Amino acid sequence: KRRKELMIKIALVGNIASGKSTVEKFLVQNNFKIFDCDKIAHKILEENIEIKEFFRTYDVFDSDKINREKLGKLVFGNKNLLKNLENIIYSLVKIELENIFKKYKKEKCIFISIPQLFEAGFENLFDKIVFISAKEEIRLERLMQRNNYSKEYAMTRILAQNCEDEKIKKSDFVIYNNSDIDHLKLQINNLLSLLQ
């Protein structure tokens, strides 16, 4: 049984275009501490020498900076390159997460938005896992509209992630984002009341 003074570490997970950022905004408005692993990973991409060296010979740079769009197109078409990139990023993200947990240990609970939780094998870093689910056709539509992706490339991005069903089985809570914003907020409020 968890002692009352311990901070609850909650992972927010969802496949691409499932609506994680909408959930994050709502949590921020309700004064919860939330950190985004994508932002942490982007910072690592910009600053990490090892990654720059590894991709030095590929056409993914704009002057000396890695262009994330070019890098994405390259690695999502090449499993080995994706694996190499993930190995470097995951180890550095883990260090960053441990620092965040130390720094904010007095908070009652803390949310970490981490799309790649299961792929990275980080489940044991968290007390609760919340999965945000949306139907594939809805996510496809959102990706094409939001990122201007072609249908083919949007599908490549969707298929690069593990199946939702498996992730749902491993999660403690599921929020279904197939309807409107009010339905989404209702589910988030239900979740927050369970965490009190």
N, C-alpha and C. Protein backbone atom coordinates (compact mmCIF):
# COMPACT_ATOMS: atom_id res chain seq x y z
N LYS A 1 0.86 -1.20 0.00
CA LYS A 1 0.00 0.00 0.00
C LYS A 1 0.88 1.23 0.00
N ARG A 2 0.50 2.20 -0.88
CA ARG A 2 1.37 3.38 -1.04
C ARG A 2 1.19 4.35 0.13
N ARG A 3 2.33 4.89 0.61
CA ARG A 3 2.26 5.87 1.69
C ARG A 3 1.73 7.18 1.14
N LYS A 4 0.94 7.89 1.94
CA LYS A 4 0.25 9.09 1.47
C LYS A 4 1.17 10.17 0.90
N GLU A 5 2.38 10.30 1.50
CA GLU A 5 3.22 11.43 1.09
C GLU A 5 3.94 11.20 -0.24
N LEU A 6 3.86 10.01 -0.77
CA LEU A 6 4.59 9.74 -2.01
C LEU A 6 3.87 10.31 -3.22
N MET A 7 4.66 10.95 -4.10
CA MET A 7 4.11 11.48 -5.33
C MET A 7 3.67 10.34 -6.26
N ILE A 8 2.52 10.51 -6.90
CA ILE A 8 2.07 9.52 -7.88
C ILE A 8 2.59 9.93 -9.26
N LYS A 9 3.33 9.03 -9.89
CA LYS A 9 3.89 9.29 -11.22
C LYS A 9 2.98 8.65 -12.27
N ILE A 10 2.39 9.49 -13.11
CA ILE A 10 1.40 9.00 -14.07
C ILE A 10 1.90 9.19 -15.50
N ALA A 11 1.92 8.11 -16.26
CA ALA A 11 2.31 8.18 -17.67
C ALA A 11 1.07 8.39 -18.52
N LEU A 12 1.14 9.38 -19.40
CA LEU A 12 0.06 9.60 -20.39
C LEU A 12 0.55 9.04 -21.71
N VAL A 13 -0.13 8.05 -22.19
CA VAL A 13 0.31 7.35 -23.40
C VAL A 13 -0.80 7.42 -24.45
N GLY A 14 -0.40 7.42 -25.70
CA GLY A 14 -1.39 7.36 -26.78
C GLY A 14 -0.63 7.31 -28.07
N ASN A 15 -1.13 6.59 -29.03
CA ASN A 15 -0.46 6.54 -30.33
C ASN A 15 -0.61 7.90 -31.02
N ILE A 16 0.13 8.07 -32.08
CA ILE A 16 0.19 9.36 -32.78
C ILE A 16 -1.21 9.86 -33.15
N ALA A 17 -1.45 11.16 -32.90
CA ALA A 17 -2.71 11.85 -33.23
C ALA A 17 -3.92 11.32 -32.46
N SER A 18 -3.67 10.79 -31.25
CA SER A 18 -4.79 10.28 -30.45
C SER A 18 -5.42 11.39 -29.60
N GLY A 19 -4.73 12.52 -29.47
CA GLY A 19 -5.28 13.64 -28.70
C GLY A 19 -4.60 13.89 -27.37
N LYS A 20 -3.34 13.43 -27.25
CA LYS A 20 -2.60 13.64 -26.00
C LYS A 20 -2.47 15.11 -25.65
N SER A 21 -2.16 15.95 -26.66
CA SER A 21 -1.92 17.37 -26.35
C SER A 21 -3.18 18.06 -25.84
N THR A 22 -4.35 17.62 -26.30
CA THR A 22 -5.62 18.18 -25.80
C THR A 22 -5.79 17.81 -24.33
N VAL A 23 -5.48 16.57 -23.99
CA VAL A 23 -5.56 16.11 -22.60
C VAL A 23 -4.55 16.88 -21.75
N GLU A 24 -3.34 17.07 -22.27
CA GLU A 24 -2.30 17.81 -21.55
C GLU A 24 -2.77 19.22 -21.23
N LYS A 25 -3.35 19.92 -22.23
CA LYS A 25 -3.82 21.30 -22.03
C LYS A 25 -4.83 21.37 -20.90
N PHE A 26 -5.74 20.41 -20.88
CA PHE A 26 -6.78 20.37 -19.86
C PHE A 26 -6.15 20.19 -18.47
N LEU A 27 -5.16 19.33 -18.37
CA LEU A 27 -4.48 19.08 -17.09
C LEU A 27 -3.72 20.32 -16.62
N VAL A 28 -3.08 21.01 -17.55
CA VAL A 28 -2.35 22.24 -17.23
C VAL A 28 -3.32 23.30 -16.71
N GLN A 29 -4.48 23.42 -17.38
CA GLN A 29 -5.51 24.38 -16.94
C GLN A 29 -5.98 24.07 -15.51
N ASN A 30 -5.89 22.80 -15.14
CA ASN A 30 -6.30 22.38 -13.79
C ASN A 30 -5.11 22.30 -12.82
N ASN A 31 -4.03 23.00 -13.20
CA ASN A 31 -2.85 23.18 -12.33
C ASN A 31 -2.08 21.91 -11.99
N PHE A 32 -2.11 20.94 -12.88
CA PHE A 32 -1.28 19.75 -12.68
C PHE A 32 0.07 19.97 -13.35
N LYS A 33 1.10 19.39 -12.75
CA LYS A 33 2.44 19.43 -13.35
C LYS A 33 2.48 18.37 -14.45
N ILE A 34 2.87 18.80 -15.64
CA ILE A 34 2.93 17.85 -16.75
C ILE A 34 4.17 18.11 -17.59
N PHE A 35 4.86 17.04 -17.94
CA PHE A 35 6.08 17.15 -18.75
C PHE A 35 5.90 16.30 -20.01
N ASP A 36 6.44 16.79 -21.11
CA ASP A 36 6.24 16.15 -22.40
C ASP A 36 7.55 15.52 -22.88
N CYS A 37 7.54 14.20 -23.00
CA CYS A 37 8.76 13.50 -23.42
C CYS A 37 9.16 13.83 -24.86
N ASP A 38 8.19 14.19 -25.69
CA ASP A 38 8.53 14.59 -27.06
C ASP A 38 9.42 15.83 -27.04
N LYS A 39 9.06 16.77 -26.16
CA LYS A 39 9.87 18.01 -26.06
C LYS A 39 11.27 17.69 -25.55
N ILE A 40 11.33 16.78 -24.58
CA ILE A 40 12.64 16.37 -24.04
C ILE A 40 13.47 15.73 -25.16
N ALA A 41 12.82 14.85 -25.94
CA ALA A 41 13.51 14.16 -27.05
C ALA A 41 13.96 15.16 -28.12
N HIS A 42 13.13 16.17 -28.41
CA HIS A 42 13.50 17.18 -29.42
C HIS A 42 14.75 17.95 -28.98
N LYS A 43 14.80 18.26 -27.68
CA LYS A 43 15.95 18.99 -27.13
C LYS A 43 17.22 18.11 -27.27
N ILE A 44 17.05 16.82 -26.98
CA ILE A 44 18.18 15.88 -27.11
C ILE A 44 18.65 15.84 -28.57
N LEU A 45 17.69 15.78 -29.49
CA LEU A 45 18.03 15.75 -30.92
C LEU A 45 18.84 16.97 -31.33
N GLU A 46 18.46 18.13 -30.77
CA GLU A 46 19.15 19.37 -31.14
C GLU A 46 20.56 19.42 -30.57
N GLU A 47 20.73 18.83 -29.39
CA GLU A 47 21.99 19.06 -28.67
C GLU A 47 22.96 17.88 -28.65
N ASN A 48 22.45 16.68 -28.91
CA ASN A 48 23.30 15.50 -28.69
C ASN A 48 24.31 15.27 -29.82
N ILE A 49 25.57 15.22 -29.42
CA ILE A 49 26.66 15.07 -30.39
C ILE A 49 26.63 13.67 -31.03
N GLU A 50 26.34 12.67 -30.21
CA GLU A 50 26.35 11.27 -30.68
C GLU A 50 25.36 11.08 -31.84
N ILE A 51 24.18 11.67 -31.70
CA ILE A 51 23.16 11.54 -32.76
C ILE A 51 23.62 12.26 -34.02
N LYS A 52 24.18 13.46 -33.84
CA LYS A 52 24.66 14.22 -35.01
C LYS A 52 25.75 13.44 -35.75
N GLU A 53 26.65 12.83 -34.98
CA GLU A 53 27.72 12.04 -35.59
C GLU A 53 27.16 10.84 -36.34
N PHE A 54 26.20 10.17 -35.71
CA PHE A 54 25.63 8.96 -36.31
C PHE A 54 24.96 9.25 -37.66
N PHE A 55 24.29 10.41 -37.74
CA PHE A 55 23.54 10.74 -38.98
C PHE A 55 24.30 11.70 -39.89
N ARG A 56 25.59 11.92 -39.58
CA ARG A 56 26.40 12.89 -40.32
C ARG A 56 26.33 12.68 -41.84
N THR A 57 26.32 11.41 -42.28
CA THR A 57 26.39 11.14 -43.73
C THR A 57 25.02 11.11 -44.40
N TYR A 58 23.96 11.33 -43.64
CA TYR A 58 22.61 11.31 -44.23
C TYR A 58 22.11 12.73 -44.48
N ASP A 59 21.19 12.84 -45.42
CA ASP A 59 20.64 14.15 -45.77
C ASP A 59 19.51 14.53 -44.80
N VAL A 60 19.89 14.82 -43.55
CA VAL A 60 18.87 15.18 -42.54
C VAL A 60 19.22 16.51 -41.85
N PHE A 61 20.21 17.22 -42.40
CA PHE A 61 20.65 18.46 -41.75
C PHE A 61 20.21 19.70 -42.52
N ASP A 62 19.89 20.76 -41.77
CA ASP A 62 19.78 22.11 -42.32
C ASP A 62 20.91 22.86 -41.66
N SER A 63 21.93 23.19 -42.43
CA SER A 63 23.22 23.68 -41.93
C SER A 63 23.71 22.68 -40.87
N ASP A 64 23.83 23.09 -39.59
CA ASP A 64 24.36 22.13 -38.60
C ASP A 64 23.26 21.52 -37.73
N LYS A 65 22.01 21.87 -38.02
CA LYS A 65 20.91 21.36 -37.18
C LYS A 65 20.19 20.21 -37.87
N ILE A 66 19.82 19.23 -37.07
CA ILE A 66 19.04 18.12 -37.62
C ILE A 66 17.62 18.61 -37.90
N ASN A 67 17.14 18.35 -39.10
CA ASN A 67 15.76 18.68 -39.46
C ASN A 67 14.89 17.47 -39.08
N ARG A 68 14.01 17.67 -38.10
CA ARG A 68 13.23 16.54 -37.56
C ARG A 68 12.35 15.89 -38.62
N GLU A 69 11.82 16.71 -39.51
CA GLU A 69 10.95 16.19 -40.58
C GLU A 69 11.74 15.24 -41.49
N LYS A 70 12.93 15.68 -41.90
CA LYS A 70 13.79 14.85 -42.77
C LYS A 70 14.22 13.58 -42.03
N LEU A 71 14.59 13.74 -40.77
CA LEU A 71 15.02 12.59 -39.96
C LEU A 71 13.88 11.59 -39.82
N GLY A 72 12.69 12.10 -39.55
CA GLY A 72 11.50 11.24 -39.42
C GLY A 72 11.26 10.42 -40.68
N LYS A 73 11.31 11.10 -41.82
CA LYS A 73 11.07 10.39 -43.09
C LYS A 73 12.13 9.31 -43.33
N LEU A 74 13.37 9.61 -42.92
CA LEU A 74 14.46 8.64 -43.10
C LEU A 74 14.26 7.43 -42.19
N VAL A 75 14.09 7.66 -40.88
CA VAL A 75 14.08 6.53 -39.94
C VAL A 75 12.79 5.71 -40.01
N PHE A 76 11.68 6.35 -40.38
CA PHE A 76 10.45 5.56 -40.45
C PHE A 76 10.42 4.67 -41.69
N GLY A 77 11.41 4.85 -42.55
CA GLY A 77 11.53 3.95 -43.69
C GLY A 77 12.66 2.95 -43.50
N ASN A 78 13.31 2.98 -42.30
CA ASN A 78 14.47 2.12 -42.08
C ASN A 78 14.52 1.67 -40.61
N LYS A 79 14.13 0.42 -40.39
CA LYS A 79 14.01 -0.10 -39.01
C LYS A 79 15.32 -0.03 -38.22
N ASN A 80 16.45 -0.32 -38.87
CA ASN A 80 17.74 -0.31 -38.17
C ASN A 80 18.11 1.08 -37.67
N LEU A 81 17.91 2.07 -38.57
CA LEU A 81 18.24 3.45 -38.20
C LEU A 81 17.32 3.92 -37.07
N LEU A 82 16.04 3.53 -37.15
CA LEU A 82 15.08 3.91 -36.11
C LEU A 82 15.51 3.34 -34.76
N LYS A 83 15.92 2.07 -34.78
CA LYS A 83 16.35 1.39 -33.55
C LYS A 83 17.57 2.09 -32.93
N ASN A 84 18.55 2.42 -33.79
CA ASN A 84 19.75 3.11 -33.30
C ASN A 84 19.41 4.45 -32.67
N LEU A 85 18.55 5.20 -33.34
CA LEU A 85 18.15 6.51 -32.84
C LEU A 85 17.41 6.37 -31.50
N GLU A 86 16.49 5.42 -31.45
CA GLU A 86 15.71 5.21 -30.22
C GLU A 86 16.60 4.81 -29.05
N ASN A 87 17.57 3.95 -29.30
CA ASN A 87 18.46 3.50 -28.21
C ASN A 87 19.18 4.67 -27.56
N ILE A 88 19.66 5.60 -28.40
CA ILE A 88 20.37 6.77 -27.85
C ILE A 88 19.37 7.66 -27.08
N ILE A 89 18.24 7.95 -27.73
CA ILE A 89 17.28 8.89 -27.13
C ILE A 89 16.67 8.33 -25.85
N TYR A 90 16.27 7.06 -25.86
CA TYR A 90 15.61 6.49 -24.67
C TYR A 90 16.49 6.57 -23.43
N SER A 91 17.77 6.26 -23.58
CA SER A 91 18.65 6.26 -22.40
C SER A 91 18.77 7.68 -21.83
N LEU A 92 18.79 8.68 -22.71
CA LEU A 92 18.92 10.07 -22.25
C LEU A 92 17.60 10.59 -21.67
N VAL A 93 16.49 10.17 -22.25
CA VAL A 93 15.16 10.56 -21.73
C VAL A 93 14.99 10.01 -20.32
N LYS A 94 15.44 8.78 -20.11
CA LYS A 94 15.30 8.14 -18.79
C LYS A 94 16.02 8.96 -17.71
N ILE A 95 17.22 9.42 -18.02
CA ILE A 95 17.98 10.25 -17.07
C ILE A 95 17.21 11.53 -16.76
N GLU A 96 16.67 12.14 -17.81
CA GLU A 96 15.90 13.38 -17.67
C GLU A 96 14.66 13.17 -16.79
N LEU A 97 13.97 12.04 -17.00
CA LEU A 97 12.77 11.72 -16.20
C LEU A 97 13.13 11.55 -14.73
N GLU A 98 14.23 10.85 -14.47
CA GLU A 98 14.65 10.64 -13.08
C GLU A 98 14.96 11.97 -12.40
N ASN A 99 15.53 12.91 -13.16
CA ASN A 99 15.80 14.25 -12.62
C ASN A 99 14.51 14.99 -12.29
N ILE A 100 13.52 14.88 -13.19
CA ILE A 100 12.22 15.53 -12.98
C ILE A 100 11.56 14.97 -11.72
N PHE A 101 11.58 13.64 -11.57
CA PHE A 101 10.96 13.01 -10.40
C PHE A 101 11.61 13.49 -9.10
N LYS A 102 12.94 13.64 -9.13
CA LYS A 102 13.64 14.12 -7.92
C LYS A 102 13.24 15.57 -7.62
N LYS A 103 13.24 16.38 -8.66
CA LYS A 103 12.99 17.82 -8.50
C LYS A 103 11.57 18.09 -7.97
N TYR A 104 10.61 17.30 -8.42
CA TYR A 104 9.20 17.58 -8.08
C TYR A 104 8.62 16.56 -7.11
N LYS A 105 9.47 15.97 -6.30
CA LYS A 105 8.99 14.87 -5.44
C LYS A 105 7.96 15.30 -4.39
N LYS A 106 7.84 16.62 -4.15
CA LYS A 106 6.86 17.10 -3.17
C LYS A 106 5.46 17.26 -3.78
N GLU A 107 5.35 17.16 -5.10
CA GLU A 107 4.03 17.26 -5.75
C GLU A 107 3.18 16.04 -5.38
N LYS A 108 1.86 16.25 -5.35
CA LYS A 108 0.97 15.12 -5.05
C LYS A 108 0.97 14.12 -6.21
N CYS A 109 0.89 14.66 -7.42
CA CYS A 109 1.05 13.76 -8.59
C CYS A 109 1.63 14.54 -9.75
N ILE A 110 2.24 13.82 -10.64
CA ILE A 110 2.91 14.43 -11.78
C ILE A 110 2.59 13.60 -13.02
N PHE A 111 2.28 14.28 -14.12
CA PHE A 111 1.95 13.59 -15.37
C PHE A 111 3.12 13.72 -16.35
N ILE A 112 3.44 12.62 -16.98
CA ILE A 112 4.47 12.64 -18.03
C ILE A 112 3.81 12.13 -19.31
N SER A 113 3.79 12.99 -20.33
CA SER A 113 3.27 12.57 -21.62
C SER A 113 4.39 11.82 -22.34
N ILE A 114 4.16 10.52 -22.58
CA ILE A 114 5.25 9.68 -23.10
C ILE A 114 4.69 8.67 -24.11
N PRO A 115 4.58 9.11 -25.37
CA PRO A 115 3.99 8.26 -26.41
C PRO A 115 4.68 6.90 -26.55
N GLN A 116 6.00 6.88 -26.32
CA GLN A 116 6.79 5.66 -26.56
C GLN A 116 7.02 4.84 -25.29
N LEU A 117 6.15 5.00 -24.30
CA LEU A 117 6.35 4.33 -23.01
C LEU A 117 6.65 2.84 -23.15
N PHE A 118 5.80 2.13 -23.90
CA PHE A 118 5.93 0.67 -24.01
C PHE A 118 7.11 0.29 -24.90
N GLU A 119 7.29 1.06 -25.99
CA GLU A 119 8.41 0.78 -26.89
C GLU A 119 9.75 0.95 -26.16
N ALA A 120 9.79 1.94 -25.24
CA ALA A 120 11.04 2.20 -24.50
C ALA A 120 11.20 1.26 -23.31
N GLY A 121 10.12 0.58 -22.93
CA GLY A 121 10.17 -0.31 -21.76
C GLY A 121 10.26 0.45 -20.44
N PHE A 122 9.56 1.60 -20.37
CA PHE A 122 9.64 2.46 -19.19
C PHE A 122 8.48 2.27 -18.22
N GLU A 123 7.68 1.23 -18.40
CA GLU A 123 6.48 1.06 -17.56
C GLU A 123 6.80 1.10 -16.07
N ASN A 124 7.93 0.51 -15.69
CA ASN A 124 8.25 0.39 -14.25
C ASN A 124 8.66 1.72 -13.61
N LEU A 125 8.79 2.79 -14.41
CA LEU A 125 9.12 4.11 -13.85
C LEU A 125 7.88 4.80 -13.30
N PHE A 126 6.69 4.24 -13.59
CA PHE A 126 5.43 4.93 -13.27
C PHE A 126 4.54 4.11 -12.34
N ASP A 127 3.68 4.85 -11.61
CA ASP A 127 2.71 4.20 -10.71
C ASP A 127 1.42 3.86 -11.46
N LYS A 128 1.03 4.75 -12.38
CA LYS A 128 -0.21 4.54 -13.15
C LYS A 128 0.04 4.87 -14.61
N ILE A 129 -0.64 4.12 -15.48
CA ILE A 129 -0.54 4.38 -16.93
C ILE A 129 -1.93 4.71 -17.46
N VAL A 130 -2.04 5.87 -18.10
CA VAL A 130 -3.30 6.30 -18.71
C VAL A 130 -3.13 6.27 -20.22
N PHE A 131 -3.97 5.51 -20.89
CA PHE A 131 -3.86 5.40 -22.35
C PHE A 131 -4.98 6.20 -23.01
N ILE A 132 -4.60 7.07 -23.97
CA ILE A 132 -5.59 7.84 -24.73
C ILE A 132 -5.77 7.14 -26.07
N SER A 133 -6.99 6.69 -26.30
CA SER A 133 -7.27 5.87 -27.48
C SER A 133 -8.13 6.65 -28.48
N ALA A 134 -7.83 6.47 -29.75
CA ALA A 134 -8.68 7.02 -30.81
C ALA A 134 -8.64 6.05 -31.99
N LYS A 135 -9.76 5.94 -32.68
CA LYS A 135 -9.84 5.00 -33.81
C LYS A 135 -8.82 5.36 -34.89
N GLU A 136 -8.33 4.34 -35.56
CA GLU A 136 -7.27 4.55 -36.57
C GLU A 136 -7.68 5.55 -37.65
N GLU A 137 -8.94 5.43 -38.12
CA GLU A 137 -9.35 6.34 -39.21
C GLU A 137 -9.41 7.79 -38.75
N ILE A 138 -9.74 8.00 -37.46
CA ILE A 138 -9.76 9.37 -36.91
C ILE A 138 -8.34 9.90 -36.82
N ARG A 139 -7.42 9.06 -36.35
CA ARG A 139 -6.01 9.49 -36.23
C ARG A 139 -5.41 9.78 -37.60
N LEU A 140 -5.75 8.97 -38.58
CA LEU A 140 -5.25 9.16 -39.95
C LEU A 140 -5.69 10.52 -40.47
N GLU A 141 -6.97 10.82 -40.28
CA GLU A 141 -7.55 12.10 -40.72
C GLU A 141 -6.86 13.27 -40.02
N ARG A 142 -6.67 13.14 -38.71
CA ARG A 142 -6.02 14.22 -37.94
C ARG A 142 -4.59 14.46 -38.42
N LEU A 143 -3.86 13.37 -38.67
CA LEU A 143 -2.46 13.49 -39.11
C LEU A 143 -2.36 14.18 -40.46
N MET A 144 -3.25 13.79 -41.36
CA MET A 144 -3.22 14.38 -42.70
C MET A 144 -3.55 15.87 -42.64
N GLN A 145 -4.52 16.23 -41.79
CA GLN A 145 -4.91 17.64 -41.67
C GLN A 145 -3.87 18.44 -40.90
N ARG A 146 -3.47 17.91 -39.74
CA ARG A 146 -2.60 18.66 -38.83
C ARG A 146 -1.19 18.81 -39.38
N ASN A 147 -0.63 17.74 -39.93
CA ASN A 147 0.78 17.76 -40.34
C ASN A 147 0.97 17.84 -41.85
N ASN A 148 -0.16 17.90 -42.56
CA ASN A 148 -0.07 17.95 -44.02
C ASN A 148 0.59 16.72 -44.62
N TYR A 149 0.46 15.57 -43.94
CA TYR A 149 1.07 14.34 -44.43
C TYR A 149 0.21 13.76 -45.56
N SER A 150 0.89 13.07 -46.48
CA SER A 150 0.12 12.29 -47.46
C SER A 150 -0.49 11.12 -46.71
N LYS A 151 -1.52 10.53 -47.30
CA LYS A 151 -2.19 9.40 -46.65
C LYS A 151 -1.18 8.26 -46.42
N GLU A 152 -0.33 8.04 -47.40
CA GLU A 152 0.65 6.94 -47.33
C GLU A 152 1.64 7.16 -46.18
N TYR A 153 2.17 8.40 -46.07
CA TYR A 153 3.15 8.67 -45.01
C TYR A 153 2.48 8.66 -43.64
N ALA A 154 1.27 9.19 -43.57
CA ALA A 154 0.52 9.18 -42.30
C ALA A 154 0.32 7.74 -41.83
N MET A 155 0.00 6.85 -42.76
CA MET A 155 -0.20 5.43 -42.43
C MET A 155 1.12 4.80 -41.95
N THR A 156 2.24 5.18 -42.58
CA THR A 156 3.56 4.67 -42.16
C THR A 156 3.82 5.04 -40.71
N ARG A 157 3.49 6.30 -40.35
CA ARG A 157 3.70 6.76 -38.97
C ARG A 157 2.81 6.00 -37.99
N ILE A 158 1.57 5.76 -38.40
CA ILE A 158 0.63 5.03 -37.54
C ILE A 158 1.10 3.59 -37.35
N LEU A 159 1.53 2.96 -38.43
CA LEU A 159 1.94 1.54 -38.37
C LEU A 159 3.28 1.34 -37.67
N ALA A 160 4.05 2.43 -37.53
CA ALA A 160 5.35 2.32 -36.86
C ALA A 160 5.18 2.10 -35.35
N GLN A 161 3.97 2.35 -34.85
CA GLN A 161 3.73 2.17 -33.41
C GLN A 161 3.01 0.86 -33.16
N ASN A 162 3.24 0.33 -31.96
CA ASN A 162 2.60 -0.94 -31.61
C ASN A 162 1.08 -0.77 -31.54
N CYS A 163 0.40 -1.88 -31.72
CA CYS A 163 -1.06 -1.93 -31.75
C CYS A 163 -1.67 -1.39 -30.44
N GLU A 164 -2.77 -0.64 -30.58
CA GLU A 164 -3.45 -0.07 -29.40
C GLU A 164 -3.93 -1.13 -28.42
N ASP A 165 -4.46 -2.23 -28.92
CA ASP A 165 -5.05 -3.26 -28.04
C ASP A 165 -4.07 -3.73 -26.98
N GLU A 166 -2.83 -3.98 -27.42
CA GLU A 166 -1.80 -4.45 -26.49
C GLU A 166 -1.52 -3.41 -25.41
N LYS A 167 -1.46 -2.14 -25.83
CA LYS A 167 -1.15 -1.05 -24.90
C LYS A 167 -2.30 -0.85 -23.91
N ILE A 168 -3.52 -0.99 -24.39
CA ILE A 168 -4.70 -0.82 -23.52
C ILE A 168 -4.66 -1.88 -22.40
N LYS A 169 -4.29 -3.11 -22.78
CA LYS A 169 -4.22 -4.20 -21.79
C LYS A 169 -3.23 -3.88 -20.67
N LYS A 170 -2.16 -3.15 -21.02
CA LYS A 170 -1.11 -2.86 -20.04
C LYS A 170 -1.37 -1.57 -19.25
N SER A 171 -2.46 -0.86 -19.57
CA SER A 171 -2.74 0.44 -18.93
C SER A 171 -3.71 0.30 -17.77
N ASP A 172 -3.66 1.27 -16.86
CA ASP A 172 -4.56 1.28 -15.70
C ASP A 172 -5.89 1.98 -16.02
N PHE A 173 -5.82 3.00 -16.88
CA PHE A 173 -7.02 3.75 -17.27
C PHE A 173 -6.99 3.96 -18.78
N VAL A 174 -8.17 4.03 -19.39
CA VAL A 174 -8.24 4.33 -20.83
C VAL A 174 -9.21 5.49 -21.03
N ILE A 175 -8.77 6.48 -21.79
CA ILE A 175 -9.63 7.61 -22.18
C ILE A 175 -9.88 7.46 -23.68
N TYR A 176 -11.16 7.43 -24.07
CA TYR A 176 -11.50 7.26 -25.50
C TYR A 176 -11.78 8.62 -26.13
N ASN A 177 -10.97 8.97 -27.11
CA ASN A 177 -11.09 10.28 -27.75
C ASN A 177 -11.63 10.14 -29.18
N ASN A 178 -12.85 9.61 -29.28
CA ASN A 178 -13.46 9.42 -30.61
C ASN A 178 -14.65 10.36 -30.80
N SER A 179 -14.92 11.18 -29.77
CA SER A 179 -16.13 11.99 -29.81
C SER A 179 -15.75 13.46 -29.68
N ASP A 180 -16.56 14.25 -28.95
CA ASP A 180 -16.27 15.69 -28.85
C ASP A 180 -15.48 16.01 -27.58
N ILE A 181 -15.13 17.29 -27.46
CA ILE A 181 -14.28 17.75 -26.35
C ILE A 181 -14.96 17.57 -24.99
N ASP A 182 -16.29 17.72 -24.95
CA ASP A 182 -17.01 17.58 -23.67
C ASP A 182 -16.91 16.15 -23.14
N HIS A 183 -17.04 15.21 -24.06
CA HIS A 183 -16.93 13.79 -23.69
C HIS A 183 -15.52 13.49 -23.18
N LEU A 184 -14.54 14.09 -23.83
CA LEU A 184 -13.14 13.91 -23.43
C LEU A 184 -12.91 14.47 -22.03
N LYS A 185 -13.40 15.69 -21.79
CA LYS A 185 -13.22 16.34 -20.47
C LYS A 185 -13.90 15.56 -19.36
N LEU A 186 -15.06 15.02 -19.66
CA LEU A 186 -15.80 14.22 -18.68
C LEU A 186 -14.94 13.02 -18.22
N GLN A 187 -14.32 12.36 -19.19
CA GLN A 187 -13.48 11.20 -18.87
C GLN A 187 -12.23 11.60 -18.07
N ILE A 188 -11.66 12.77 -18.41
CA ILE A 188 -10.47 13.23 -17.67
C ILE A 188 -10.87 13.56 -16.23
N ASN A 189 -12.02 14.21 -16.06
CA ASN A 189 -12.49 14.53 -14.70
C ASN A 189 -12.74 13.26 -13.89
N ASN A 190 -13.29 12.24 -14.54
CA ASN A 190 -13.50 10.94 -13.86
C ASN A 190 -12.16 10.37 -13.39
N LEU A 191 -11.19 10.44 -14.27
CA LEU A 191 -9.84 9.96 -13.94
C LEU A 191 -9.27 10.72 -12.75
N LEU A 192 -9.37 12.06 -12.79
CA LEU A 192 -8.81 12.89 -11.71
C LEU A 192 -9.49 12.59 -10.38
N SER A 193 -10.80 12.32 -10.41
CA SER A 193 -11.49 12.02 -9.15
C SER A 193 -11.03 10.67 -8.58
N LEU A 194 -10.66 9.75 -9.46
CA LEU A 194 -10.14 8.44 -8.99
C LEU A 194 -8.75 8.59 -8.37
N LEU A 195 -8.02 9.61 -8.81
CA LEU A 195 -6.65 9.79 -8.31
C LEU A 195 -6.59 10.55 -6.98
N GLN A 196 -7.70 11.18 -6.61
CA GLN A 196 -7.71 11.99 -5.37
C GLN A 196 -7.44 11.10 -4.16
